[in-house]
């Protein structure tokens, strides 16, 4: 991943994580709302690395689903233990999941891009 790609990925990922935090805090991490945010993030990252979504879509969506479920379980557990801070926990968890997911996808797409460039 070159510097320009890293900067673009940084902006895309942090924007998506911020949106996810806002949604997560207000809607208790409703996956139906987080899914479009994270899907748009993956599409935008694909464009940065000149990768058509078909190439990584199945793997990306499966990973996204698993990450969301793990985060939801963690957030629900913690929110139940800390009812006053539940929205903060949900928002922080949604942002953290989206951030880590975004960088995981960026690294994967970056590796695919490097393979194409070397060939």
Protein backbone atom coordinates (compact mmCIF):
# COMPACT_ATOMS: atom_id res chain seq x y z
CA UNK A 1 0.00 0.00 0.00
CA UNK A 2 1.52 3.28 -1.06
CA UNK A 3 1.23 6.58 0.84
CA UNK A 4 -1.62 7.92 -1.27
CA UNK A 5 -3.62 4.72 -0.86
CA UNK A 6 -2.95 4.74 2.89
CA UNK A 7 -4.19 8.34 3.20
CA UNK A 8 -7.34 7.60 1.21
CA UNK A 9 -7.96 4.41 3.20
CA UNK A 10 -7.44 6.35 6.44
CA UNK A 11 -10.10 8.90 5.48
CA UNK A 12 -12.57 6.26 4.32
CA UNK A 13 -12.12 4.04 7.37
CA UNK A 14 -12.25 6.84 9.95
CA UNK A 15 -15.33 8.35 8.31
CA UNK A 16 -17.10 4.98 8.40
CA UNK A 17 -16.02 4.37 12.00
CA UNK A 18 -17.35 7.79 13.03
CA UNK A 19 -20.66 7.09 11.34
CA UNK A 20 -20.81 3.66 12.99
CA UNK A 21 -20.12 5.21 16.41
CA UNK A 22 -23.00 7.63 15.98
CA UNK A 23 -25.36 4.92 14.83
CA UNK A 24 -24.13 2.45 17.45
CA UNK A 25 -24.64 4.91 20.29
CA UNK A 26 -28.15 5.75 19.19
CA UNK A 27 -29.41 2.40 17.96
CA UNK A 28 -27.61 -0.18 20.09
CA UNK A 29 -25.56 -1.48 17.18
CA UNK A 30 -28.43 -2.41 14.91
CA UNK A 31 -26.68 -4.51 12.26
CA UNK A 32 -29.18 -3.44 9.61
CA UNK A 33 -27.85 0.11 9.95
CA UNK A 34 -24.17 -0.77 10.38
CA UNK A 35 -24.13 -3.13 7.39
CA UNK A 36 -24.66 -0.38 4.76
CA UNK A 37 -21.99 1.81 6.40
CA UNK A 38 -19.44 -1.00 6.34
CA UNK A 39 -20.46 -2.15 2.86
CA UNK A 40 -19.98 1.38 1.50
CA UNK A 41 -16.59 1.44 3.22
CA UNK A 42 -15.55 -1.80 1.49
CA UNK A 43 -16.71 -0.51 -1.90
CA UNK A 44 -14.77 2.74 -1.42
CA UNK A 45 -11.65 0.84 -0.34
CA UNK A 46 -11.96 -1.38 -3.39
CA UNK A 47 -11.89 1.70 -5.61
CA UNK A 48 -8.75 2.98 -3.89
CA UNK A 49 -6.96 -0.28 -4.71
CA UNK A 50 -8.53 -0.74 -8.16
CA UNK A 51 -10.24 -3.92 -7.05
CA UNK A 52 -13.66 -4.86 -8.30
CA UNK A 53 -15.92 -5.82 -5.45
CA UNK A 54 -16.48 -9.29 -6.93
CA UNK A 55 -12.88 -10.26 -6.16
CA UNK A 56 -13.12 -9.86 -2.42
CA UNK A 57 -16.84 -9.58 -1.75
CA UNK A 58 -17.54 -13.03 -0.39
CA UNK A 59 -14.60 -13.01 2.00
CA UNK A 60 -15.23 -9.42 3.08
CA UNK A 61 -18.91 -9.87 3.81
CA UNK A 62 -18.33 -13.09 5.73
CA UNK A 63 -15.65 -11.43 7.83
CA UNK A 64 -17.89 -8.43 8.39
CA UNK A 65 -20.74 -10.60 9.61
CA UNK A 66 -18.54 -12.45 12.09
CA UNK A 67 -16.96 -9.25 13.38
CA UNK A 68 -20.35 -7.64 13.88
CA UNK A 69 -21.72 -10.58 15.80
CA UNK A 70 -18.71 -10.70 18.11
CA UNK A 71 -18.96 -6.99 18.73
CA UNK A 72 -22.68 -7.11 19.36
CA UNK A 73 -22.30 -9.85 21.93
CA UNK A 74 -19.54 -7.92 23.69
CA UNK A 75 -21.51 -4.67 23.64
CA UNK A 76 -24.70 -6.30 24.90
CA UNK A 77 -22.85 -7.96 27.74
CA UNK A 78 -21.11 -4.76 28.78
CA UNK A 79 -24.20 -2.60 28.30
CA UNK A 80 -26.12 -4.95 30.57
CA UNK A 81 -23.47 -4.56 33.25
CA UNK A 82 -23.24 -0.78 32.78
CA UNK A 83 -26.75 0.42 31.91
CA UNK A 84 -25.90 4.11 32.29
CA UNK A 85 -22.95 3.83 29.93
CA UNK A 86 -24.63 1.42 27.50
CA UNK A 87 -24.84 3.90 24.62
CA UNK A 88 -21.19 4.85 25.03
CA UNK A 89 -20.19 1.19 25.03
CA UNK A 90 -22.34 0.45 21.98
CA UNK A 91 -20.98 3.44 20.05
CA UNK A 92 -17.38 2.67 20.95
CA UNK A 93 -17.79 -0.98 20.02
CA UNK A 94 -19.39 -0.12 16.67
CA UNK A 95 -16.54 2.28 15.89
CA UNK A 96 -13.84 -0.19 16.96
CA UNK A 97 -15.34 -3.01 14.91
CA UNK A 98 -15.66 -0.79 11.84
CA UNK A 99 -12.13 0.59 12.26
CA UNK A 100 -10.48 -2.82 12.65
CA UNK A 101 -12.59 -4.30 9.86
CA UNK A 102 -11.68 -1.44 7.54
CA UNK A 103 -7.94 -1.81 8.11
CA UNK A 104 -8.18 -5.57 7.68
CA UNK A 105 -9.89 -5.08 4.31
CA UNK A 106 -7.44 -2.33 3.32
CA UNK A 107 -4.50 -4.66 4.02
CA UNK A 108 -6.14 -7.47 2.06
CA UNK A 109 -6.94 -5.19 -0.88
CA UNK A 110 -3.44 -3.69 -0.69
CA UNK A 111 -1.90 -7.15 -0.99
CA UNK A 112 -4.12 -7.94 -3.97
CA UNK A 113 -3.14 -4.66 -5.59
CA UNK A 114 0.56 -5.37 -5.05
CA UNK A 115 0.19 -8.82 -6.67
CA UNK A 116 -1.48 -7.27 -9.73
CA UNK A 117 1.16 -4.55 -10.04
CA UNK A 118 4.05 -7.05 -9.86
CA UNK A 119 2.58 -9.32 -12.53
